[in-house]
PDB file of N, CA and C in Angstrom:
ATOM      1  N   ALA A   1      89.060 312.238   8.432  1.00  0.00           N
ATOM      2  CA  ALA A   1      88.253 311.136   8.882  1.00  0.00           C
ATOM      3  C   ALA A   1      86.862 311.954   9.208  1.00  0.00           C
ATOM      4  N   ARG A   2      87.484 313.201   9.986  1.00  0.00           N
ATOM      5  CA  ARG A   2      86.230 314.097  10.408  1.00  0.00           C
ATOM      6  C   ARG A   2      85.202 314.743   9.742  1.00  0.00           C
ATOM      7  N   ASN A   3      85.815 314.720   8.511  1.00  0.00           N
ATOM      8  CA  ASN A   3      84.884 315.729   7.245  1.00  0.00           C
ATOM      9  C   ASN A   3      83.892 314.504   6.897  1.00  0.00           C
ATOM     10  N   GLU A   4      84.381 313.054   6.599  1.00  0.00           N
ATOM     11  CA  GLU A   4      83.268 312.216   6.069  1.00  0.00           C
ATOM     12  C   GLU A   4      81.924 312.101   6.983  1.00  0.00           C
ATOM     13  N   SER A   5      80.965 311.950   6.100  1.00  0.00           N
ATOM     14  CA  SER A   5      79.542 311.817   6.561  1.00  0.00           C
ATOM     15  C   SER A   5      79.514 310.608   7.163  1.00  0.00           C
ATOM     16  N   LEU A   6      78.186 310.530   8.368  1.00  0.00           N
ATOM     17  CA  LEU A   6      78.511 309.308   8.885  1.00  0.00           C
ATOM     18  C   LEU A   6      77.923 308.112   7.721  1.00  0.00           C
ATOM     19  N   PRO A   7      77.284 308.332   6.771  1.00  0.00           N
ATOM     20  CA  PRO A   7      76.721 307.012   5.749  1.00  0.00           C
ATOM     21  C   PRO A   7      78.613 306.914   5.741  1.00  0.00           C
ATOM     22  N   ALA A   8      79.400 307.512   5.287  1.00  0.00           N
ATOM     23  CA  ALA A   8      80.238 307.125   4.605  1.00  0.00           C
ATOM     24  C   ALA A   8      81.195 306.273   5.686  1.00  0.00           C
ATOM     25  N   LEU A   9      81.543 307.239   7.208  1.00  0.00           N
ATOM     26  CA  LEU A   9      82.061 306.258   8.170  1.00  0.00           C
ATOM     27  C   LEU A   9      81.386 304.802   8.460  1.00  0.00           C
ATOM     28  N   LEU A  10      80.188 304.977   8.284  1.00  0.00           N
ATOM     29  CA  LEU A  10      79.344 303.738   8.626  1.00  0.00           C
ATOM     30  C   LEU A  10      79.660 302.526   7.633  1.00  0.00           C
ATOM     31  N   SER A  11      79.932 303.097   5.904  1.00  0.00           N
ATOM     32  CA  SER A  11      80.354 302.423   5.134  1.00  0.00           C
ATOM     33  C   SER A  11      81.800 301.930   5.188  1.00  0.00           C
ATOM     34  N   ARG A  12      82.665 302.583   5.997  1.00  0.00           N
ATOM     35  CA  ARG A  12      83.980 302.369   5.586  1.00  0.00           C
ATOM     36  C   ARG A  12      84.316 301.146   6.810  1.00  0.00           C
ATOM     37  N   LEU A  13      83.621 301.247   8.242  1.00  0.00           N
ATOM     38  CA  LEU A  13      83.305 300.782   9.541  1.00  0.00           C
ATOM     39  C   LEU A  13      82.535 298.924   8.917  1.00  0.00           C
ATOM     40  N   ASP A  14      81.939 299.018   7.937  1.00  0.00           N
ATOM     41  CA  ASP A  14      80.928 298.014   7.785  1.00  0.00           C
ATOM     42  C   ASP A  14      82.305 297.207   6.816  1.00  0.00           C
ATOM     43  N   ALA A  15      82.887 297.941   5.915  1.00  0.00           N
ATOM     44  CA  ALA A  15      83.958 296.977   4.908  1.00  0.00           C
ATOM     45  C   ALA A  15      85.251 296.663   6.287  1.00  0.00           C
ATOM     46  N   VAL A  16      85.565 297.249   7.019  1.00  0.00           N
ATOM     47  CA  VAL A  16      86.446 296.857   7.790  1.00  0.00           C
ATOM     48  C   VAL A  16      85.697 295.536   8.758  1.00  0.00           C
ATOM     49  N   THR A  17      84.903 295.807   9.524  1.00  0.00           N
ATOM     50  CA  THR A  17      84.549 294.714  10.033  1.00  0.00           C
ATOM     51  C   THR A  17      84.030 293.606   9.149  1.00  0.00           C
ATOM     52  N   THR A  18      83.743 294.060   7.906  1.00  0.00           N
ATOM     53  CA  THR A  18      83.540 292.533   7.278  1.00  0.00           C
ATOM     54  C   THR A  18      84.464 292.072   6.599  1.00  0.00           C
ATOM     55  N   GLY A  19      85.965 293.089   6.458  1.00  0.00           N
ATOM     56  CA  GLY A  19      87.478 292.160   6.254  1.00  0.00           C
ATOM     57  C   GLY A  19      87.984 291.567   7.506  1.00  0.00           C
ATOM     58  N   VAL A  20      87.513 291.667   8.348  1.00  0.00           N
ATOM     59  CA  VAL A  20      87.499 291.270  10.195  1.00  0.00           C
ATOM     60  C   VAL A  20      87.105 290.179   9.909  1.00  0.00           C
ATOM     61  N   SER A  21      85.913 290.232   9.425  1.00  0.00           N
ATOM     62  CA  SER A  21      85.179 288.917   9.683  1.00  0.00           C
ATOM     63  C   SER A  21      85.134 287.848   8.860  1.00  0.00           C
ATOM     64  N   ALA A  22      85.693 288.149   7.297  1.00  0.00           N
ATOM     65  CA  ALA A  22      86.334 287.081   6.413  1.00  0.00           C
ATOM     66  C   ALA A  22      87.493 286.701   6.823  1.00  0.00           C
ATOM     67  N   ARG A  23      88.266 287.385   7.674  1.00  0.00           N
ATOM     68  CA  ARG A  23      89.553 286.565   8.158  1.00  0.00           C
ATOM     69  C   ARG A  23      89.311 285.544   9.177  1.00  0.00           C
ATOM     70  N   ALA A  24      88.455 286.031  10.072  1.00  0.00           N
ATOM     71  CA  ALA A  24      88.149 285.467  11.158  1.00  0.00           C
ATOM     72  C   ALA A  24      87.470 284.033  10.394  1.00  0.00           C
ATOM     73  N   VAL A  25      86.327 284.268   9.775  1.00  0.00           N
ATOM     74  CA  VAL A  25      85.551 282.873   9.410  1.00  0.00           C
ATOM     75  C   VAL A  25      86.769 282.387   8.409  1.00  0.00           C
ATOM     76  N   LYS A  26      87.634 282.675   7.605  1.00  0.00           N
ATOM     77  CA  LYS A  26      88.730 281.820   7.124  1.00  0.00           C
ATOM     78  C   LYS A  26      89.700 281.175   7.878  1.00  0.00           C
ATOM     79  N   GLU A  27      90.003 282.077   8.869  1.00  0.00           N
ATOM     80  CA  GLU A  27      90.881 281.264  10.000  1.00  0.00           C
ATOM     81  C   GLU A  27      90.088 279.996  10.771  1.00  0.00           C
ATOM     82  N   ASP A  28      88.920 280.171  11.414  1.00  0.00           N
ATOM     83  CA  ASP A  28      88.296 279.449  11.846  1.00  0.00           C
ATOM     84  C   ASP A  28      87.987 278.338  10.700  1.00  0.00           C
ATOM     85  N   SER A  29      87.685 278.390   9.290  1.00  0.00           N
ATOM     86  CA  SER A  29      87.554 277.637   8.987  1.00  0.00           C
ATOM     87  C   SER A  29      88.997 276.352   8.478  1.00  0.00           C
ATOM     88  N   GLU A  30      90.033 277.206   8.406  1.00  0.00           N
ATOM     89  CA  GLU A  30      91.677 276.257   8.543  1.00  0.00           C
ATOM     90  C   GLU A  30      91.230 275.680   9.930  1.00  0.00           C
ATOM     91  N   VAL A  31      90.976 276.282  11.248  1.00  0.00           N
ATOM     92  CA  VAL A  31      91.315 275.610  12.329  1.00  0.00           C
ATOM     93  C   VAL A  31      90.312 274.234  12.167  1.00  0.00           C
ATOM     94  N   ILE A  32      89.183 274.501  11.757  1.00  0.00           N
ATOM     95  CA  ILE A  32      88.018 273.506  11.863  1.00  0.00           C
ATOM     96  C   ILE A  32      88.384 272.340  10.891  1.00  0.00           C
ATOM     97  N   ASP A  33      88.956 272.694   9.516  1.00  0.00           N
ATOM     98  CA  ASP A  33      89.469 271.619   8.529  1.00  0.00           C
ATOM     99  C   ASP A  33      90.669 270.900   9.591  1.00  0.00           C
ATOM    100  N   ASN A  34      91.581 271.551  10.090  1.00  0.00           N
ATOM    101  CA  ASN A  34      92.356 270.902  10.558  1.00  0.00           C
ATOM    102  C   ASN A  34      91.747 269.779  11.840  1.00  0.00           C
ATOM    103  N   LEU A  35      91.354 270.321  12.544  1.00  0.00           N
ATOM    104  CA  LEU A  35      90.379 269.294  13.397  1.00  0.00           C
ATOM    105  C   LEU A  35      89.984 268.172  12.680  1.00  0.00           C
ATOM    106  N   LEU A  36      89.028 268.119  11.802  1.00  0.00           N
ATOM    107  CA  LEU A  36      88.585 267.333  10.972  1.00  0.00           C
ATOM    108  C   LEU A  36      89.581 266.293  10.436  1.00  0.00           C
ATOM    109  N   ARG A  37      90.758 266.865   9.920  1.00  0.00           N
ATOM    110  CA  ARG A  37      92.099 266.364   9.296  1.00  0.00           C
ATOM    111  C   ARG A  37      92.672 265.169  10.634  1.00  0.00           C
ATOM    112  N   GLY A  38      92.492 265.630  11.655  1.00  0.00           N
ATOM    113  CA  GLY A  38      93.167 264.999  12.964  1.00  0.00           C
ATOM    114  C   GLY A  38      92.217 263.943  13.422  1.00  0.00           C
ATOM    115  N   LEU A  39      90.813 264.297  13.403  1.00  0.00           N
ATOM    116  CA  LEU A  39      89.570 263.556  14.092  1.00  0.00           C
ATOM    117  C   LEU A  39      89.450 262.131  12.963  1.00  0.00           C
ATOM    118  N   HIS A  40      89.986 262.384  11.836  1.00  0.00           N
ATOM    119  CA  HIS A  40      89.782 261.359  10.802  1.00  0.00           C
ATOM    120  C   HIS A  40      90.664 260.231  10.669  1.00  0.00           C
ATOM    121  N   GLU A  41      92.180 261.188  10.917  1.00  0.00           N
ATOM    122  CA  GLU A  41      93.406 260.521  11.413  1.00  0.00           C
ATOM    123  C   GLU A  41      92.776 259.675  12.309  1.00  0.00           C
ATOM    124  N   ALA A  42      92.867 259.957  14.065  1.00  0.00           N
ATOM    125  CA  ALA A  42      92.204 259.419  14.637  1.00  0.00           C
ATOM    126  C   ALA A  42      91.348 258.025  14.801  1.00  0.00           C
ATOM    127  N   HIS A  43      90.331 258.325  13.996  1.00  0.00           N
ATOM    128  CA  HIS A  43      89.578 257.434  13.529  1.00  0.00           C
ATOM    129  C   HIS A  43      89.953 256.395  12.656  1.00  0.00           C
ATOM    130  N   GLU A  44      91.075 256.697  11.877  1.00  0.00           N
ATOM    131  CA  GLU A  44      91.531 255.672  11.052  1.00  0.00           C
ATOM    132  C   GLU A  44      92.818 254.606  12.151  1.00  0.00           C
ATOM    133  N   GLU A  45      93.499 255.179  13.101  1.00  0.00           N
ATOM    134  CA  GLU A  45      94.496 255.144  13.538  1.00  0.00           C
ATOM    135  C   GLU A  45      93.468 253.874  15.164  1.00  0.00           C
ATOM    136  N   LEU A  46      92.024 254.146  15.251  1.00  0.00           N
ATOM    137  CA  LEU A  46      91.189 253.448  16.111  1.00  0.00           C
ATOM    138  C   LEU A  46      90.830 252.155  15.139  1.00  0.00           C
ATOM    139  N   HIS A  47      90.461 252.305  14.521  1.00  0.00           N
ATOM    140  CA  HIS A  47      89.881 251.070  13.600  1.00  0.00           C
ATOM    141  C   HIS A  47      90.966 250.301  13.394  1.00  0.00           C
ATOM    142  N   ASN A  48      92.506 250.727  12.688  1.00  0.00           N
ATOM    143  CA  ASN A  48      93.570 249.797  12.881  1.00  0.00           C
ATOM    144  C   ASN A  48      94.059 248.938  14.312  1.00  0.00           C
ATOM    145  N   ALA A  49      93.591 249.821  15.320  1.00  0.00           N
ATOM    146  CA  ALA A  49      93.942 249.254  16.671  1.00  0.00           C
ATOM    147  C   ALA A  49      93.208 247.883  16.777  1.00  0.00           C
ATOM    148  N   LYS A  50      91.513 248.261  16.332  1.00  0.00           N
ATOM    149  CA  LYS A  50      90.710 247.165  16.676  1.00  0.00           C
ATOM    150  C   LYS A  50      90.815 246.072  15.301  1.00  0.00           C
ATOM    151  N   LEU A  51      91.521 246.489  14.663  1.00  0.00           N
ATOM    152  CA  LEU A  51      91.563 245.140  13.573  1.00  0.00           C
ATOM    153  C   LEU A  51      92.740 244.403  14.334  1.00  0.00           C
ATOM    154  N   LYS A  52      93.865 245.433  14.729  1.00  0.00           N
ATOM    155  CA  LYS A  52      95.136 244.457  15.322  1.00  0.00           C
ATOM    156  C   LYS A  52      94.644 243.647  16.685  1.00  0.00           C
ATOM    157  N   ILE A  53      93.802 244.274  17.352  1.00  0.00           N
ATOM    158  CA  ILE A  53      93.138 243.505  18.426  1.00  0.00           C
ATOM    159  C   ILE A  53      92.445 242.141  18.216  1.00  0.00           C
ATOM    160  N   GLN A  54      91.583 242.520  17.459  1.00  0.00           N
ATOM    161  CA  GLN A  54      90.848 241.366  16.688  1.00  0.00           C
ATOM    162  C   GLN A  54      91.894 240.372  16.018  1.00  0.00           C
ATOM    163  N   GLY A  55      93.000 240.469  15.383  1.00  0.00           N
ATOM    164  CA  GLY A  55      93.943 239.934  14.867  1.00  0.00           C
ATOM    165  C   GLY A  55      94.619 238.938  16.398  1.00  0.00           C
ATOM    166  N   ALA A  56      94.908 239.855  17.414  1.00  0.00           N
ATOM    167  CA  ALA A  56      95.843 238.901  18.658  1.00  0.00           C
ATOM    168  C   ALA A  56      94.714 238.159  19.118  1.00  0.00           C
ATOM    169  N   GLU A  57      93.310 238.398  19.431  1.00  0.00           N
ATOM    170  CA  GLU A  57      92.297 237.858  19.645  1.00  0.00           C
ATOM    171  C   GLU A  57      92.273 236.190  19.300  1.00  0.00           C
ATOM    172  N   THR A  58      92.368 236.610  17.729  1.00  0.00           N
ATOM    173  CA  THR A  58      92.321 235.016  16.912  1.00  0.00           C
ATOM    174  C   THR A  58      93.565 234.223  17.233  1.00  0.00           C
ATOM    175  N   GLU A  59      94.510 235.084  16.893  1.00  0.00           N
ATOM    176  CA  GLU A  59      96.050 234.187  17.458  1.00  0.00           C
ATOM    177  C   GLU A  59      96.026 233.940  18.734  1.00  0.00           C
ATOM    178  N   LYS A  60      95.259 234.349  19.661  1.00  0.00           N
ATOM    179  CA  LYS A  60      95.122 233.673  20.951  1.00  0.00           C
ATOM    180  C   LYS A  60      94.265 232.338  20.801  1.00  0.00           C
ATOM    181  N   GLU A  61      93.318 232.585  20.388  1.00  0.00           N
ATOM    182  CA  GLU A  61      92.430 231.277  20.413  1.00  0.00           C
ATOM    183  C   GLU A  61      92.578 230.312  19.530  1.00  0.00           C
ATOM    184  N   VAL A  62      93.756 230.644  18.314  1.00  0.00           N
ATOM    185  CA  VAL A  62      94.677 229.461  17.707  1.00  0.00           C
ATOM    186  C   VAL A  62      95.286 228.998  19.173  1.00  0.00           C
ATOM    187  N   LEU A  63      96.395 229.680  19.753  1.00  0.00           N
ATOM    188  CA  LEU A  63      97.287 229.242  20.801  1.00  0.00           C
ATOM    189  C   LEU A  63      96.516 228.407  21.758  1.00  0.00           C
ATOM    190  N   HIS A  64      95.379 229.002  22.251  1.00  0.00           N
ATOM    191  CA  HIS A  64      94.618 227.874  23.287  1.00  0.00           C
ATOM    192  C   HIS A  64      94.035 226.385  22.563  1.00  0.00           C
ATOM    193  N   HIS A  65      93.836 226.694  21.709  1.00  0.00           N
ATOM    194  CA  HIS A  65      93.277 225.485  20.406  1.00  0.00           C
ATOM    195  C   HIS A  65      94.524 224.850  20.897  1.00  0.00           C
ATOM    196  N   ARG A  66      96.193 225.329  20.676  1.00  0.00           N
ATOM    197  CA  ARG A  66      97.309 224.217  20.075  1.00  0.00           C
ATOM    198  C   ARG A  66      97.584 224.096  21.539  1.00  0.00           C
ATOM    199  N   LEU A  67      97.576 224.916  22.378  1.00  0.00           N
ATOM    200  CA  LEU A  67      97.598 224.145  23.751  1.00  0.00           C
ATOM    201  C   LEU A  67      96.962 222.910  24.409  1.00  0.00           C
ATOM    202  N   HIS A  68      95.635 223.258  24.239  1.00  0.00           N
ATOM    203  CA  HIS A  68      94.981 222.075  24.396  1.00  0.00           C
ATOM    204  C   HIS A  68      95.247 220.384  23.788  1.00  0.00           C
ATOM    205  N   GLN A  69      95.550 220.936  22.252  1.00  0.00           N
ATOM    206  CA  GLN A  69      95.879 219.881  21.731  1.00  0.00           C
ATOM    207  C   GLN A  69      97.211 219.124  21.807  1.00  0.00           C
ATOM    208  N   ALA A  70      98.146 220.104  22.558  1.00  0.00           N
ATOM    209  CA  ALA A  70      99.412 219.356  23.046  1.00  0.00           C
ATOM    210  C   ALA A  70      99.380 218.776  23.888  1.00  0.00           C
ATOM    211  N   GLU A  71      98.577 219.223  25.169  1.00  0.00           N
ATOM    212  CA  GLU A  71      98.023 218.581  26.426  1.00  0.00           C
ATOM    213  C   GLU A  71      97.318 217.366  26.045  1.00  0.00           C
ATOM    214  N   ALA A  72      96.721 216.910  25.393  1.00  0.00           N
ATOM    215  CA  ALA A  72      96.543 215.954  24.608  1.00  0.00           C
ATOM    216  C   ALA A  72      96.773 214.949  24.285  1.00  0.00           C
ATOM    217  N   ASP A  73      97.659 215.648  23.403  1.00  0.00           N
ATOM    218  CA  ASP A  73      98.934 214.897  23.078  1.00  0.00           C
ATOM    219  C   ASP A  73      99.864 214.253  23.664  1.00  0.00           C
ATOM    220  N   ARG A  74     100.005 215.196  25.483  1.00  0.00           N
ATOM    221  CA  ARG A  74     101.230 214.682  25.931  1.00  0.00           C
ATOM    222  C   ARG A  74     100.451 213.566  27.046  1.00  0.00           C
ATOM    223  N   SER A  75      99.145 213.614  27.437  1.00  0.00           N
ATOM    224  CA  SER A  75      98.572 212.541  28.145  1.00  0.00           C
ATOM    225  C   SER A  75      98.331 211.286  27.133  1.00  0.00           C
ATOM    226  N   LYS A  76      97.911 211.411  25.678  1.00  0.00           N
ATOM    227  CA  LYS A  76      98.066 209.801  24.826  1.00  0.00           C
ATOM    228  C   LYS A  76      99.360 209.623  25.007  1.00  0.00           C
ATOM    229  N   ALA A  77     100.474 209.977  25.249  1.00  0.00           N
ATOM    230  CA  ALA A  77     101.966 209.815  24.693  1.00  0.00           C
ATOM    231  C   ALA A  77     102.203 209.128  26.231  1.00  0.00           C
ATOM    232  N   ALA A  78     102.032 210.069  27.148  1.00  0.00           N
ATOM    233  CA  ALA A  78     102.084 209.121  28.691  1.00  0.00           C
ATOM    234  C   ALA A  78     101.844 207.895  28.913  1.00  0.00           C
ATOM    235  N   ALA A  79     100.412 207.921  28.340  1.00  0.00           N
ATOM    236  CA  ALA A  79      99.832 206.409  28.306  1.00  0.00           C
ATOM    237  C   ALA A  79     100.506 205.291  27.496  1.00  0.00           C
ATOM    238  N   ASP A  80     100.648 205.734  26.375  1.00  0.00           N
ATOM    239  CA  ASP A  80     100.973 204.990  25.519  1.00  0.00           C
ATOM    240  C   ASP A  80     102.228 204.393  26.200  1.00  0.00           C
ATOM    241  N   ALA A  81     103.141 205.423  26.506  1.00  0.00           N
ATOM    242  CA  ALA A  81     104.530 205.100  27.374  1.00  0.00           C
ATOM    243  C   ALA A  81     104.309 204.095  28.601  1.00  0.00           C
ATOM    244  N   GLU A  82     102.964 204.306  29.094  1.00  0.00           N
ATOM    245  CA  GLU A  82     102.924 203.692  30.174  1.00  0.00           C
ATOM    246  C   GLU A  82     102.602 202.433  29.847  1.00  0.00           C
ATOM    247  N   GLU A  83     101.473 202.107  28.871  1.00  0.00           N
ATOM    248  CA  GLU A  83     101.593 200.813  28.384  1.00  0.00           C
ATOM    249  C   GLU A  83     102.497 200.240  27.593  1.00  0.00           C
ATOM    250  N   LEU A  84     103.149 200.949  26.877  1.00  0.00           N
ATOM    251  CA  LEU A  84     104.795 200.326  26.123  1.00  0.00           C
ATOM    252  C   LEU A  84     105.685 199.658  27.452  1.00  0.00           C
ATOM    253  N   GLY A  85     105.565 200.273  28.838  1.00  0.00           N
ATOM    254  CA  GLY A  85     106.319 199.733  29.978  1.00  0.00           C
ATOM    255  C   GLY A  85     105.948 198.438  30.404  1.00  0.00           C
ATOM    256  N   LYS A  86     104.502 198.699  30.311  1.00  0.00           N
ATOM    257  CA  LYS A  86     103.726 197.481  30.750  1.00  0.00           C
ATOM    258  C   LYS A  86     104.004 196.178  30.228  1.00  0.00           C
ATOM    259  N   ARG A  87     103.980 196.564  28.588  1.00  0.00           N
ATOM    260  CA  ARG A  87     103.967 195.162  27.613  1.00  0.00           C
ATOM    261  C   ARG A  87     105.799 194.627  27.660  1.00  0.00           C
ATOM    262  N   HIS A  88     106.810 195.817  28.239  1.00  0.00           N
ATOM    263  CA  HIS A  88     107.985 195.550  28.105  1.00  0.00           C
ATOM    264  C   HIS A  88     108.160 194.263  29.266  1.00  0.00           C
ATOM    265  N   VAL A  89     107.821 195.062  30.115  1.00  0.00           N
ATOM    266  CA  VAL A  89     107.810 193.761  31.526  1.00  0.00           C
ATOM    267  C   VAL A  89     106.904 192.736  31.576  1.00  0.00           C
ATOM    268  N   GLU A  90     105.812 192.619  30.474  1.00  0.00           N
ATOM    269  CA  GLU A  90     105.223 191.209  30.638  1.00  0.00           C
ATOM    270  C   GLU A  90     106.407 190.289  29.602  1.00  0.00           C
ATOM    271  N   ALA A  91     107.300 191.138  28.498  1.00  0.00           N
ATOM    272  CA  ALA A  91     107.875 190.242  27.880  1.00  0.00           C
ATOM    273  C   ALA A  91     108.839 190.040  28.472  1.00  0.00           C
ATOM    274  N   LEU A  92     109.709 190.773  29.045  1.00  0.00           N
ATOM    275  CA  LEU A  92     110.922 190.314  30.032  1.00  0.00           C
ATOM    276  C   LEU A  92     110.144 188.964  31.245  1.00  0.00           C
ATOM    277  N   GLU A  93     109.326 188.835  31.702  1.00  0.00           N
ATOM    278  CA  GLU A  93     108.658 188.060  32.248  1.00  0.00           C
ATOM    279  C   GLU A  93     108.704 186.628  31.704  1.00  0.00           C
ATOM    280  N   LEU A  94     108.235 186.860  30.348  1.00  0.00           N
ATOM    281  CA  LEU A  94     107.885 185.965  29.419  1.00  0.00           C
ATOM    282  C   LEU A  94     109.326 184.952  28.886  1.00  0.00           C
ATOM    283  N   LEU A  95     110.531 186.109  28.903  1.00  0.00           N
ATOM    284  CA  LEU A  95     111.679 185.930  28.007  1.00  0.00           C
ATOM    285  C   LEU A  95     112.198 185.095  29.455  1.00  0.00           C
ATOM    286  N   THR A  96     112.063 185.298  30.557  1.00  0.00           N
ATOM    287  CA  THR A  96     112.802 184.949  31.867  1.00  0.00           C
ATOM    288  C   THR A  96     112.015 183.706  31.878  1.00  0.00           C
ATOM    289  N   LEU A  97     110.576 183.456  31.710  1.00  0.00           N
ATOM    290  CA  LEU A  97     109.787 181.911  31.918  1.00  0.00           C
ATOM    291  C   LEU A  97     110.684 181.171  30.790  1.00  0.00           C
ATOM    292  N   GLU A  98     110.348 181.538  29.655  1.00  0.00           N
ATOM    293  CA  GLU A  98     110.884 180.628  28.651  1.00  0.00           C
ATOM    294  C   GLU A  98     112.770 179.852  28.466  1.00  0.00           C
ATOM    295  N   ARG A  99     113.796 181.138  29.211  1.00  0.00           N
ATOM    296  CA  ARG A  99     114.931 181.022  29.419  1.00  0.00           C
ATOM    297  C   ARG A  99     114.876 179.549  30.475  1.00  0.00           C
ATOM    298  N   SER A 100     114.019 179.597  31.613  1.00  0.00           N
ATOM    299  CA  SER A 100     113.963 178.709  32.472  1.00  0.00           C
ATOM    300  C   SER A 100     113.329 177.827  32.652  1.00  0.00           C
ATOM    301  N   LYS A 101     112.651 177.426  31.590  1.00  0.00           N
ATOM    302  CA  LYS A 101     112.004 176.270  31.056  1.00  0.00           C
ATOM    303  C   LYS A 101     113.154 175.662  29.724  1.00  0.00           C
ATOM    304  N   ARG A 102     114.157 176.223  28.947  1.00  0.00           N
ATOM    305  CA  ARG A 102     115.152 175.728  28.042  1.00  0.00           C
ATOM    306  C   ARG A 102     116.063 175.452  29.308  1.00  0.00           C
ATOM    307  N   ILE A 103     116.539 176.062  29.534  1.00  0.00           N
ATOM    308  CA  ILE A 103     117.747 175.709  30.644  1.00  0.00           C
ATOM    309  C   ILE A 103     117.629 175.211  31.449  1.00  0.00           C
ATOM    310  N   PRO A 104     118.707 174.268  32.188  1.00  0.00           N
ATOM    311  CA  PRO A 104     118.457 173.227  33.430  1.00  0.00           C
ATOM    312  C   PRO A 104     119.033 173.972  34.779  1.00  0.00           C
ATOM    313  N   PRO A 105     118.476 174.016  35.724  1.00  0.00           N
ATOM    314  CA  PRO A 105     118.752 174.771  36.745  1.00  0.00           C
ATOM    315  C   PRO A 105     120.445 174.957  37.019  1.00  0.00           C
ATOM    316  N   SER A 106     121.140 173.862  36.985  1.00  0.00           N
ATOM    317  CA  SER A 106     122.444 173.863  37.237  1.00  0.00           C
ATOM    318  C   SER A 106     122.947 174.447  35.819  1.00  0.00           C
ATOM    319  N   ALA A 107     122.956 174.530  34.753  1.00  0.00           N
ATOM    320  CA  ALA A 107     123.629 175.039  33.539  1.00  0.00           C
ATOM    321  C   ALA A 107     122.830 176.551  33.776  1.00  0.00           C
ATOM    322  N   GLU A 108     121.918 177.205  34.208  1.00  0.00           N
ATOM    323  CA  GLU A 108     121.605 178.362  34.492  1.00  0.00           C
ATOM    324  C   GLU A 108     122.510 179.341  35.359  1.00  0.00           C
ATOM    325  N   THR A 109     122.985 178.621  36.298  1.00  0.00           N
ATOM    326  CA  THR A 109     123.788 179.348  37.157  1.00  0.00           C
ATOM    327  C   THR A 109     125.107 179.617  36.205  1.00  0.00           C
ATOM    328  N   LEU A 110     125.364 178.570  35.222  1.00  0.00           N
ATOM    329  CA  LEU A 110     126.750 178.804  34.888  1.00  0.00           C
ATOM    330  C   LEU A 110     126.576 179.831  33.391  1.00  0.00           C
ATOM    331  N   TYR A 111     125.049 180.204  33.136  1.00  0.00           N
ATOM    332  CA  TYR A 111     124.893 180.745  32.185  1.00  0.00           C
ATOM    333  C   TYR A 111     124.889 182.275  32.615  1.00  0.00           C
ATOM    334  N   SER A 112     124.375 182.138  33.852  1.00  0.00           N
ATOM    335  CA  SER A 112     124.306 183.394  34.528  1.00  0.00           C
ATOM    336  C   SER A 112     126.038 183.845  34.687  1.00  0.00           C
ATOM    337  N   ARG A 113     126.688 183.413  35.136  1.00  0.00           N
ATOM    338  CA  ARG A 113     128.196 184.019  35.013  1.00  0.00           C
ATOM    339  C   ARG A 113     128.675 184.455  33.757  1.00  0.00           C
ATOM    340  N   GLU A 114     128.032 183.646  32.758  1.00  0.00           N
ATOM    341  CA  GLU A 114     128.795 184.401  31.577  1.00  0.00           C
ATOM    342  C   GLU A 114     128.296 185.449  30.967  1.00  0.00           C
ATOM    343  N   ASP A 115     127.201 185.750  31.655  1.00  0.00           N
ATOM    344  CA  ASP A 115     127.006 187.418  30.929  1.00  0.00           C
ATOM    345  C   ASP A 115     127.586 188.107  31.694  1.00  0.00           C
TER     346      ASP A 115
END
């Protein structure tokens, strides 16, 4: 190497640094490609997570609506049951009244014992 001229040494040095630079650029490019691939995968995962969240929110709204409907149905059923109970009491009262009209008081006591 001592016998080489300065231009030859500079040329060799340039070739070595160019080779090193080319390897470094290739390695950097691979690292960048891997980072971009990872970023793309993370973006897809984020998109899928957003879709799942939207689906869950929609399902929550549907369930919330169903809950309100069930509460309304329960309230109506309770009101219907109360009304039915009142009608039942009225029917029993009418039945008792009809029985008292048809059965003489002395026979009513006898009839009650047979029950």
